[in-house]
């Protein structure tokens, strides 16, 4: 499914290592926790963050996974990709 997905292509083009993980985790319970890990800044070094188009593609792909696999939801208070998230995207 992801091979023809425009959002996946955007992410994979900019960050192939992330694309590889997304392919492996799509449809699995670990997909949303992995997506959540992409937004956490728990490294000792400063993260550059994602380009806006990649960040938006990650958000849309997370929403697509949430709709396709509703049983694999995170609690919304821990889910940075939840629809209720505002327009701010510090990354």
PDB file of N, CA and C in Angstrom:
ATOM      1  N   UNK A   1       0.816  -1.201   0.000  1.00  0.00           N
ATOM      2  CA  UNK A   1       0.000   0.000   0.000  1.00  0.00           C
ATOM      3  C   UNK A   1       0.858   1.262   0.000  1.00  0.00           C
ATOM      4  N   UNK A   2       1.923   1.269   0.749  1.00  0.00           N
ATOM      5  CA  UNK A   2       2.707   2.496   0.882  1.00  0.00           C
ATOM      6  C   UNK A   2       3.496   2.853  -0.367  1.00  0.00           C
ATOM      7  N   UNK A   3       3.829   1.886  -1.185  1.00  0.00           N
ATOM      8  CA  UNK A   3       4.646   2.171  -2.363  1.00  0.00           C
ATOM      9  C   UNK A   3       4.037   3.232  -3.268  1.00  0.00           C
ATOM     10  N   UNK A   4       2.712   3.311  -3.322  1.00  0.00           N
ATOM     11  CA  UNK A   4       2.024   4.286  -4.168  1.00  0.00           C
ATOM     12  C   UNK A   4       1.505   5.488  -3.382  1.00  0.00           C
ATOM     13  N   UNK A   5       1.841   5.578  -2.109  1.00  0.00           N
ATOM     14  CA  UNK A   5       1.338   6.645  -1.252  1.00  0.00           C
ATOM     15  C   UNK A   5       2.223   7.888  -1.388  1.00  0.00           C
ATOM     16  N   UNK A   6       1.630   9.016  -1.767  1.00  0.00           N
ATOM     17  CA  UNK A   6       2.393  10.245  -1.984  1.00  0.00           C
ATOM     18  C   UNK A   6       3.089  10.723  -0.706  1.00  0.00           C
ATOM     19  N   UNK A   7       2.435  10.583   0.432  1.00  0.00           N
ATOM     20  CA  UNK A   7       3.060  11.006   1.688  1.00  0.00           C
ATOM     21  C   UNK A   7       4.262  10.124   2.016  1.00  0.00           C
ATOM     22  N   UNK A   8       4.116   8.825   1.829  1.00  0.00           N
ATOM     23  CA  UNK A   8       5.249   7.930   2.061  1.00  0.00           C
ATOM     24  C   UNK A   8       6.404   8.291   1.125  1.00  0.00           C
ATOM     25  N   UNK A   9       6.104   8.546  -0.128  1.00  0.00           N
ATOM     26  CA  UNK A   9       7.158   8.892  -1.090  1.00  0.00           C
ATOM     27  C   UNK A   9       7.904  10.150  -0.659  1.00  0.00           C
ATOM     28  N   UNK A  10       7.184  11.150  -0.141  1.00  0.00           N
ATOM     29  CA  UNK A  10       7.817  12.383   0.340  1.00  0.00           C
ATOM     30  C   UNK A  10       8.785  12.073   1.471  1.00  0.00           C
ATOM     31  N   UNK A  11       8.326  11.286   2.420  1.00  0.00           N
ATOM     32  CA  UNK A  11       9.151  10.930   3.578  1.00  0.00           C
ATOM     33  C   UNK A  11      10.346  10.088   3.140  1.00  0.00           C
ATOM     34  N   UNK A  12      10.084   9.070   2.354  1.00  0.00           N
ATOM     35  CA  UNK A  12      11.129   8.141   1.932  1.00  0.00           C
ATOM     36  C   UNK A  12      12.202   8.837   1.103  1.00  0.00           C
ATOM     37  N   UNK A  13      11.801   9.780   0.282  1.00  0.00           N
ATOM     38  CA  UNK A  13      12.766  10.513  -0.540  1.00  0.00           C
ATOM     39  C   UNK A  13      13.716  11.332   0.336  1.00  0.00           C
ATOM     40  N   UNK A  14      13.167  11.993   1.342  1.00  0.00           N
ATOM     41  CA  UNK A  14      13.969  12.849   2.213  1.00  0.00           C
ATOM     42  C   UNK A  14      14.721  12.055   3.281  1.00  0.00           C
ATOM     43  N   UNK A  15      14.139  10.958   3.744  1.00  0.00           N
ATOM     44  CA  UNK A  15      14.709  10.187   4.860  1.00  0.00           C
ATOM     45  C   UNK A  15      14.493   8.690   4.596  1.00  0.00           C
ATOM     46  N   UNK A  16      15.308   8.084   3.736  1.00  0.00           N
ATOM     47  CA  UNK A  16      15.110   6.666   3.399  1.00  0.00           C
ATOM     48  C   UNK A  16      15.145   5.728   4.600  1.00  0.00           C
ATOM     49  N   UNK A  17      15.926   6.055   5.618  1.00  0.00           N
ATOM     50  CA  UNK A  17      15.978   5.187   6.800  1.00  0.00           C
ATOM     51  C   UNK A  17      14.640   5.190   7.544  1.00  0.00           C
ATOM     52  N   UNK A  18      13.956   6.318   7.546  1.00  0.00           N
ATOM     53  CA  UNK A  18      12.620   6.391   8.141  1.00  0.00           C
ATOM     54  C   UNK A  18      11.630   5.645   7.258  1.00  0.00           C
ATOM     55  N   UNK A  19      11.741   5.822   5.954  1.00  0.00           N
ATOM     56  CA  UNK A  19      10.872   5.108   5.020  1.00  0.00           C
ATOM     57  C   UNK A  19      10.954   3.606   5.195  1.00  0.00           C
ATOM     58  N   UNK A  20      12.157   3.105   5.411  1.00  0.00           N
ATOM     59  CA  UNK A  20      12.347   1.669   5.615  1.00  0.00           C
ATOM     60  C   UNK A  20      11.608   1.203   6.868  1.00  0.00           C
ATOM     61  N   UNK A  21      11.697   1.976   7.939  1.00  0.00           N
ATOM     62  CA  UNK A  21      10.993   1.632   9.173  1.00  0.00           C
ATOM     63  C   UNK A  21       9.477   1.701   8.986  1.00  0.00           C
ATOM     64  N   UNK A  22       9.007   2.713   8.256  1.00  0.00           N
ATOM     65  CA  UNK A  22       7.572   2.848   8.024  1.00  0.00           C
ATOM     66  C   UNK A  22       7.027   1.651   7.254  1.00  0.00           C
ATOM     67  N   UNK A  23       7.778   1.198   6.260  1.00  0.00           N
ATOM     68  CA  UNK A  23       7.356   0.013   5.507  1.00  0.00           C
ATOM     69  C   UNK A  23       7.277  -1.212   6.409  1.00  0.00           C
ATOM     70  N   UNK A  24       8.254  -1.366   7.276  1.00  0.00           N
ATOM     71  CA  UNK A  24       8.295  -2.531   8.157  1.00  0.00           C
ATOM     72  C   UNK A  24       7.181  -2.501   9.201  1.00  0.00           C
ATOM     73  N   UNK A  25       6.799  -1.299   9.639  1.00  0.00           N
ATOM     74  CA  UNK A  25       5.838  -1.170  10.729  1.00  0.00           C
ATOM     75  C   UNK A  25       4.399  -0.921  10.290  1.00  0.00           C
ATOM     76  N   UNK A  26       4.190  -0.623   9.013  1.00  0.00           N
ATOM     77  CA  UNK A  26       2.831  -0.324   8.542  1.00  0.00           C
ATOM     78  C   UNK A  26       1.896  -1.484   8.867  1.00  0.00           C
ATOM     79  N   UNK A  27       0.785  -1.169   9.494  1.00  0.00           N
ATOM     80  CA  UNK A  27      -0.209  -2.192   9.844  1.00  0.00           C
ATOM     81  C   UNK A  27       0.129  -2.948  11.112  1.00  0.00           C
ATOM     82  N   UNK A  28       1.159  -2.502  11.809  1.00  0.00           N
ATOM     83  CA  UNK A  28       1.596  -3.166  13.036  1.00  0.00           C
ATOM     84  C   UNK A  28       1.331  -2.265  14.246  1.00  0.00           C
ATOM     85  N   UNK A  29       1.228  -2.850  15.441  1.00  0.00           N
ATOM     86  CA  UNK A  29       1.012  -2.034  16.643  1.00  0.00           C
ATOM     87  C   UNK A  29       2.152  -1.055  16.917  1.00  0.00           C
ATOM     88  N   UNK A  30       3.337  -1.334  16.416  1.00  0.00           N
ATOM     89  CA  UNK A  30       4.482  -0.463  16.667  1.00  0.00           C
ATOM     90  C   UNK A  30       4.560   0.765  15.786  1.00  0.00           C
ATOM     91  N   UNK A  31       3.653   0.904  14.824  1.00  0.00           N
ATOM     92  CA  UNK A  31       3.719   2.029  13.892  1.00  0.00           C
ATOM     93  C   UNK A  31       3.564   3.374  14.611  1.00  0.00           C
ATOM     94  N   UNK A  32       2.498   3.539  15.372  1.00  0.00           N
ATOM     95  CA  UNK A  32       2.261   4.830  16.026  1.00  0.00           C
ATOM     96  C   UNK A  32       3.304   5.146  17.100  1.00  0.00           C
ATOM     97  N   UNK A  33       3.754   4.163  17.901  1.00  0.00           N
ATOM     98  CA  UNK A  33       4.853   4.490  18.814  1.00  0.00           C
ATOM     99  C   UNK A  33       6.117   4.950  18.070  1.00  0.00           C
ATOM    100  N   UNK A  34       6.390   4.350  16.914  1.00  0.00           N
ATOM    101  CA  UNK A  34       7.543   4.797  16.125  1.00  0.00           C
ATOM    102  C   UNK A  34       7.325   6.231  15.649  1.00  0.00           C
ATOM    103  N   UNK A  35       6.134   6.514  15.152  1.00  0.00           N
ATOM    104  CA  UNK A  35       5.834   7.876  14.705  1.00  0.00           C
ATOM    105  C   UNK A  35       5.999   8.849  15.868  1.00  0.00           C
ATOM    106  N   UNK A  36       5.560   8.443  17.054  1.00  0.00           N
ATOM    107  CA  UNK A  36       5.702   9.294  18.233  1.00  0.00           C
ATOM    108  C   UNK A  36       7.178   9.530  18.545  1.00  0.00           C
ATOM    109  N   UNK A  37       7.994   8.520  18.385  1.00  0.00           N
ATOM    110  CA  UNK A  37       9.418   8.661  18.673  1.00  0.00           C
ATOM    111  C   UNK A  37      10.097   9.672  17.753  1.00  0.00           C
ATOM    112  N   UNK A  38       9.531   9.861  16.576  1.00  0.00           N
ATOM    113  CA  UNK A  38      10.106  10.824  15.637  1.00  0.00           C
ATOM    114  C   UNK A  38       9.946  12.268  16.114  1.00  0.00           C
ATOM    115  N   UNK A  39       8.988  12.506  16.994  1.00  0.00           N
ATOM    116  CA  UNK A  39       8.735  13.873  17.462  1.00  0.00           C
ATOM    117  C   UNK A  39       9.363  14.157  18.817  1.00  0.00           C
ATOM    118  N   UNK A  40       9.844  13.129  19.482  1.00  0.00           N
ATOM    119  CA  UNK A  40      10.462  13.341  20.798  1.00  0.00           C
ATOM    120  C   UNK A  40      11.901  13.758  20.641  1.00  0.00           C
ATOM    121  N   UNK A  41      12.321  14.694  21.450  1.00  0.00           N
ATOM    122  CA  UNK A  41      13.695  15.167  21.409  1.00  0.00           C
ATOM    123  C   UNK A  41      14.422  14.642  22.641  1.00  0.00           C
ATOM    124  N   UNK A  42      14.772  13.346  22.602  1.00  0.00           N
ATOM    125  CA  UNK A  42      15.431  12.752  23.752  1.00  0.00           C
ATOM    126  C   UNK A  42      16.900  12.417  23.487  1.00  0.00           C
ATOM    127  N   UNK A  43      17.428  12.936  22.398  1.00  0.00           N
ATOM    128  CA  UNK A  43      18.845  12.739  22.115  1.00  0.00           C
ATOM    129  C   UNK A  43      19.655  13.824  22.818  1.00  0.00           C
ATOM    130  N   UNK A  44      20.908  13.500  23.171  1.00  0.00           N
ATOM    131  CA  UNK A  44      21.732  14.520  23.825  1.00  0.00           C
ATOM    132  C   UNK A  44      22.112  15.672  22.889  1.00  0.00           C
ATOM    133  N   UNK A  45      22.111  15.427  21.590  1.00  0.00           N
ATOM    134  CA  UNK A  45      22.443  16.480  20.627  1.00  0.00           C
ATOM    135  C   UNK A  45      21.173  17.198  20.167  1.00  0.00           C
ATOM    136  N   UNK A  46      21.349  18.342  19.561  1.00  0.00           N
ATOM    137  CA  UNK A  46      20.215  19.116  19.051  1.00  0.00           C
ATOM    138  C   UNK A  46      19.761  18.512  17.727  1.00  0.00           C
ATOM    139  N   UNK A  47      18.465  18.315  17.602  1.00  0.00           N
ATOM    140  CA  UNK A  47      17.907  17.784  16.358  1.00  0.00           C
ATOM    141  C   UNK A  47      17.579  18.922  15.418  1.00  0.00           C
ATOM    142  N   UNK A  48      17.811  18.687  14.155  1.00  0.00           N
ATOM    143  CA  UNK A  48      17.512  19.700  13.143  1.00  0.00           C
ATOM    144  C   UNK A  48      16.014  19.815  12.904  1.00  0.00           C
ATOM    145  N   UNK A  49      15.306  18.727  12.984  1.00  0.00           N
ATOM    146  CA  UNK A  49      13.873  18.741  12.712  1.00  0.00           C
ATOM    147  C   UNK A  49      13.589  18.393  11.261  1.00  0.00           C
ATOM    148  N   UNK A  50      12.332  18.285  10.950  1.00  0.00           N
ATOM    149  CA  UNK A  50      11.904  17.910   9.608  1.00  0.00           C
ATOM    150  C   UNK A  50      11.513  19.145   8.816  1.00  0.00           C
ATOM    151  N   UNK A  51      11.726  19.072   7.520  1.00  0.00           N
ATOM    152  CA  UNK A  51      11.201  20.098   6.623  1.00  0.00           C
ATOM    153  C   UNK A  51       9.681  20.072   6.739  1.00  0.00           C
ATOM    154  N   UNK A  52       9.051  21.200   6.508  1.00  0.00           N
ATOM    155  CA  UNK A  52       7.597  21.293   6.660  1.00  0.00           C
ATOM    156  C   UNK A  52       6.848  20.248   5.844  1.00  0.00           C
ATOM    157  N   UNK A  53       7.272  20.027   4.592  1.00  0.00           N
ATOM    158  CA  UNK A  53       6.555  19.063   3.752  1.00  0.00           C
ATOM    159  C   UNK A  53       6.678  17.642   4.307  1.00  0.00           C
ATOM    160  N   UNK A  54       7.817  17.309   4.894  1.00  0.00           N
ATOM    161  CA  UNK A  54       8.009  15.986   5.480  1.00  0.00           C
ATOM    162  C   UNK A  54       7.186  15.864   6.765  1.00  0.00           C
ATOM    163  N   UNK A  55       7.208  16.900   7.583  1.00  0.00           N
ATOM    164  CA  UNK A  55       6.426  16.883   8.816  1.00  0.00           C
ATOM    165  C   UNK A  55       4.941  16.680   8.515  1.00  0.00           C
ATOM    166  N   UNK A  56       4.437  17.409   7.538  1.00  0.00           N
ATOM    167  CA  UNK A  56       3.023  17.260   7.162  1.00  0.00           C
ATOM    168  C   UNK A  56       2.733  15.880   6.591  1.00  0.00           C
ATOM    169  N   UNK A  57       3.658  15.340   5.809  1.00  0.00           N
ATOM    170  CA  UNK A  57       3.485  13.994   5.268  1.00  0.00           C
ATOM    171  C   UNK A  57       3.465  12.959   6.391  1.00  0.00           C
ATOM    172  N   UNK A  58       4.320  13.128   7.397  1.00  0.00           N
ATOM    173  CA  UNK A  58       4.306  12.232   8.556  1.00  0.00           C
ATOM    174  C   UNK A  58       2.955  12.297   9.269  1.00  0.00           C
ATOM    175  N   UNK A  59       2.453  13.496   9.438  1.00  0.00           N
ATOM    176  CA  UNK A  59       1.152  13.666  10.095  1.00  0.00           C
ATOM    177  C   UNK A  59       0.043  12.981   9.295  1.00  0.00           C
ATOM    178  N   UNK A  60       0.012  13.228   8.001  1.00  0.00           N
ATOM    179  CA  UNK A  60      -1.039  12.623   7.170  1.00  0.00           C
ATOM    180  C   UNK A  60      -0.926  11.101   7.156  1.00  0.00           C
ATOM    181  N   UNK A  61       0.295  10.584   7.086  1.00  0.00           N
ATOM    182  CA  UNK A  61       0.482   9.140   7.073  1.00  0.00           C
ATOM    183  C   UNK A  61       0.041   8.523   8.398  1.00  0.00           C
ATOM    184  N   UNK A  62       0.317   9.210   9.484  1.00  0.00           N
ATOM    185  CA  UNK A  62      -0.143   8.746  10.788  1.00  0.00           C
ATOM    186  C   UNK A  62      -1.666   8.684  10.835  1.00  0.00           C
ATOM    187  N   UNK A  63      -2.314   9.701  10.303  1.00  0.00           N
ATOM    188  CA  UNK A  63      -3.783   9.716  10.258  1.00  0.00           C
ATOM    189  C   UNK A  63      -4.317   8.581   9.382  1.00  0.00           C
ATOM    190  N   UNK A  64      -3.654   8.313   8.268  1.00  0.00           N
ATOM    191  CA  UNK A  64      -4.079   7.223   7.393  1.00  0.00           C
ATOM    192  C   UNK A  64      -3.969   5.883   8.115  1.00  0.00           C
ATOM    193  N   UNK A  65      -2.890   5.703   8.850  1.00  0.00           N
ATOM    194  CA  UNK A  65      -2.710   4.458   9.610  1.00  0.00           C
ATOM    195  C   UNK A  65      -3.776   4.351  10.695  1.00  0.00           C
ATOM    196  N   UNK A  66      -4.052   5.452  11.360  1.00  0.00           N
ATOM    197  CA  UNK A  66      -5.056   5.478  12.428  1.00  0.00           C
ATOM    198  C   UNK A  66      -6.429   5.059  11.881  1.00  0.00           C
ATOM    199  N   UNK A  67      -6.774   5.545  10.693  1.00  0.00           N
ATOM    200  CA  UNK A  67      -8.069   5.178  10.089  1.00  0.00           C
ATOM    201  C   UNK A  67      -8.085   3.719   9.626  1.00  0.00           C
ATOM    202  N   UNK A  68      -6.978   3.267   9.051  1.00  0.00           N
ATOM    203  CA  UNK A  68      -6.918   1.905   8.518  1.00  0.00           C
ATOM    204  C   UNK A  68      -6.823   0.850   9.621  1.00  0.00           C
ATOM    205  N   UNK A  69      -6.205   1.223  10.750  1.00  0.00           N
ATOM    206  CA  UNK A  69      -5.979   0.271  11.847  1.00  0.00           C
ATOM    207  C   UNK A  69      -6.410   0.905  13.169  1.00  0.00           C
ATOM    208  N   UNK A  70      -7.698   1.083  13.359  1.00  0.00           N
ATOM    209  CA  UNK A  70      -8.189   1.798  14.545  1.00  0.00           C
ATOM    210  C   UNK A  70      -7.866   1.110  15.871  1.00  0.00           C
ATOM    211  N   UNK A  71      -7.563  -0.161  15.853  1.00  0.00           N
ATOM    212  CA  UNK A  71      -7.239  -0.854  17.097  1.00  0.00           C
ATOM    213  C   UNK A  71      -5.849  -0.507  17.623  1.00  0.00           C
ATOM    214  N   UNK A  72      -5.031   0.132  16.808  1.00  0.00           N
ATOM    215  CA  UNK A  72      -3.654   0.443  17.192  1.00  0.00           C
ATOM    216  C   UNK A  72      -3.495   1.910  17.564  1.00  0.00           C
ATOM    217  N   UNK A  73      -4.423   2.456  18.303  1.00  0.00           N
ATOM    218  CA  UNK A  73      -4.363   3.863  18.708  1.00  0.00           C
ATOM    219  C   UNK A  73      -3.506   4.033  19.953  1.00  0.00           C
ATOM    220  N   UNK A  74      -2.884   5.212  20.063  1.00  0.00           N
ATOM    221  CA  UNK A  74      -2.222   5.618  21.295  1.00  0.00           C
ATOM    222  C   UNK A  74      -3.219   6.445  22.081  1.00  0.00           C
ATOM    223  N   UNK A  75      -3.020   6.554  23.384  1.00  0.00           N
ATOM    224  CA  UNK A  75      -3.855   7.477  24.149  1.00  0.00           C
ATOM    225  C   UNK A  75      -3.574   8.879  23.629  1.00  0.00           C
ATOM    226  N   UNK A  76      -4.615   9.664  23.380  1.00  0.00           N
ATOM    227  CA  UNK A  76      -4.455  10.965  22.734  1.00  0.00           C
ATOM    228  C   UNK A  76      -3.523  11.902  23.481  1.00  0.00           C
ATOM    229  N   UNK A  77      -3.460  11.818  24.815  1.00  0.00           N
ATOM    230  CA  UNK A  77      -2.582  12.733  25.535  1.00  0.00           C
ATOM    231  C   UNK A  77      -1.109  12.417  25.276  1.00  0.00           C
ATOM    232  N   UNK A  78      -0.821  11.219  24.762  1.00  0.00           N
ATOM    233  CA  UNK A  78       0.544  10.847  24.439  1.00  0.00           C
ATOM    234  C   UNK A  78       0.801  10.842  22.937  1.00  0.00           C
ATOM    235  N   UNK A  79      -0.188  11.145  22.159  1.00  0.00           N
ATOM    236  CA  UNK A  79      -0.083  11.033  20.712  1.00  0.00           C
ATOM    237  C   UNK A  79       0.083  12.397  20.056  1.00  0.00           C
ATOM    238  N   UNK A  80       1.312  12.741  19.656  1.00  0.00           N
ATOM    239  CA  UNK A  80       1.527  14.053  19.034  1.00  0.00           C
ATOM    240  C   UNK A  80       0.889  14.175  17.665  1.00  0.00           C
ATOM    241  N   UNK A  81       0.461  13.057  17.078  1.00  0.00           N
ATOM    242  CA  UNK A  81      -0.131  13.092  15.747  1.00  0.00           C
ATOM    243  C   UNK A  81      -1.650  13.144  15.790  1.00  0.00           C
ATOM    244  N   UNK A  82      -2.223  13.191  16.976  1.00  0.00           N
ATOM    245  CA  UNK A  82      -3.677  13.232  17.094  1.00  0.00           C
ATOM    246  C   UNK A  82      -4.222  14.447  16.358  1.00  0.00           C
ATOM    247  N   UNK A  83      -5.390  14.307  15.793  1.00  0.00           N
ATOM    248  CA  UNK A  83      -6.000  15.362  14.996  1.00  0.00           C
ATOM    249  C   UNK A  83      -6.175  16.655  15.782  1.00  0.00           C
ATOM    250  N   UNK A  84      -6.317  16.562  17.094  1.00  0.00           N
ATOM    251  CA  UNK A  84      -6.537  17.758  17.893  1.00  0.00           C
ATOM    252  C   UNK A  84      -5.280  18.596  18.072  1.00  0.00           C
ATOM    253  N   UNK A  85      -4.148  18.118  17.568  1.00  0.00           N
ATOM    254  CA  UNK A  85      -2.906  18.876  17.672  1.00  0.00           C
ATOM    255  C   UNK A  85      -3.044  20.163  16.872  1.00  0.00           C
ATOM    256  N   UNK A  86      -2.592  21.256  17.443  1.00  0.00           N
ATOM    257  CA  UNK A  86      -2.683  22.555  16.768  1.00  0.00           C
ATOM    258  C   UNK A  86      -1.727  22.645  15.587  1.00  0.00           C
ATOM    259  N   UNK A  87      -1.585  23.826  15.049  1.00  0.00           N
ATOM    260  CA  UNK A  87      -0.751  24.009  13.882  1.00  0.00           C
ATOM    261  C   UNK A  87       0.716  24.126  14.223  1.00  0.00           C
ATOM    262  N   UNK A  88       1.033  24.301  15.494  1.00  0.00           N
ATOM    263  CA  UNK A  88       2.430  24.388  15.896  1.00  0.00           C
ATOM    264  C   UNK A  88       3.080  23.022  15.756  1.00  0.00           C
ATOM    265  N   UNK A  89       4.269  23.001  15.172  1.00  0.00           N
ATOM    266  CA  UNK A  89       4.971  21.739  15.057  1.00  0.00           C
ATOM    267  C   UNK A  89       6.454  21.940  15.330  1.00  0.00           C
ATOM    268  N   UNK A  90       6.767  22.077  16.602  1.00  0.00           N
ATOM    269  CA  UNK A  90       8.157  22.180  16.978  1.00  0.00           C
ATOM    270  C   UNK A  90       8.784  20.811  16.835  1.00  0.00           C
ATOM    271  N   UNK A  91       9.798  20.737  16.032  1.00  0.00           N
ATOM    272  CA  UNK A  91      10.415  19.439  15.735  1.00  0.00           C
ATOM    273  C   UNK A  91      11.903  19.554  15.726  1.00  0.00           C
TER     274      UNK A  91
END
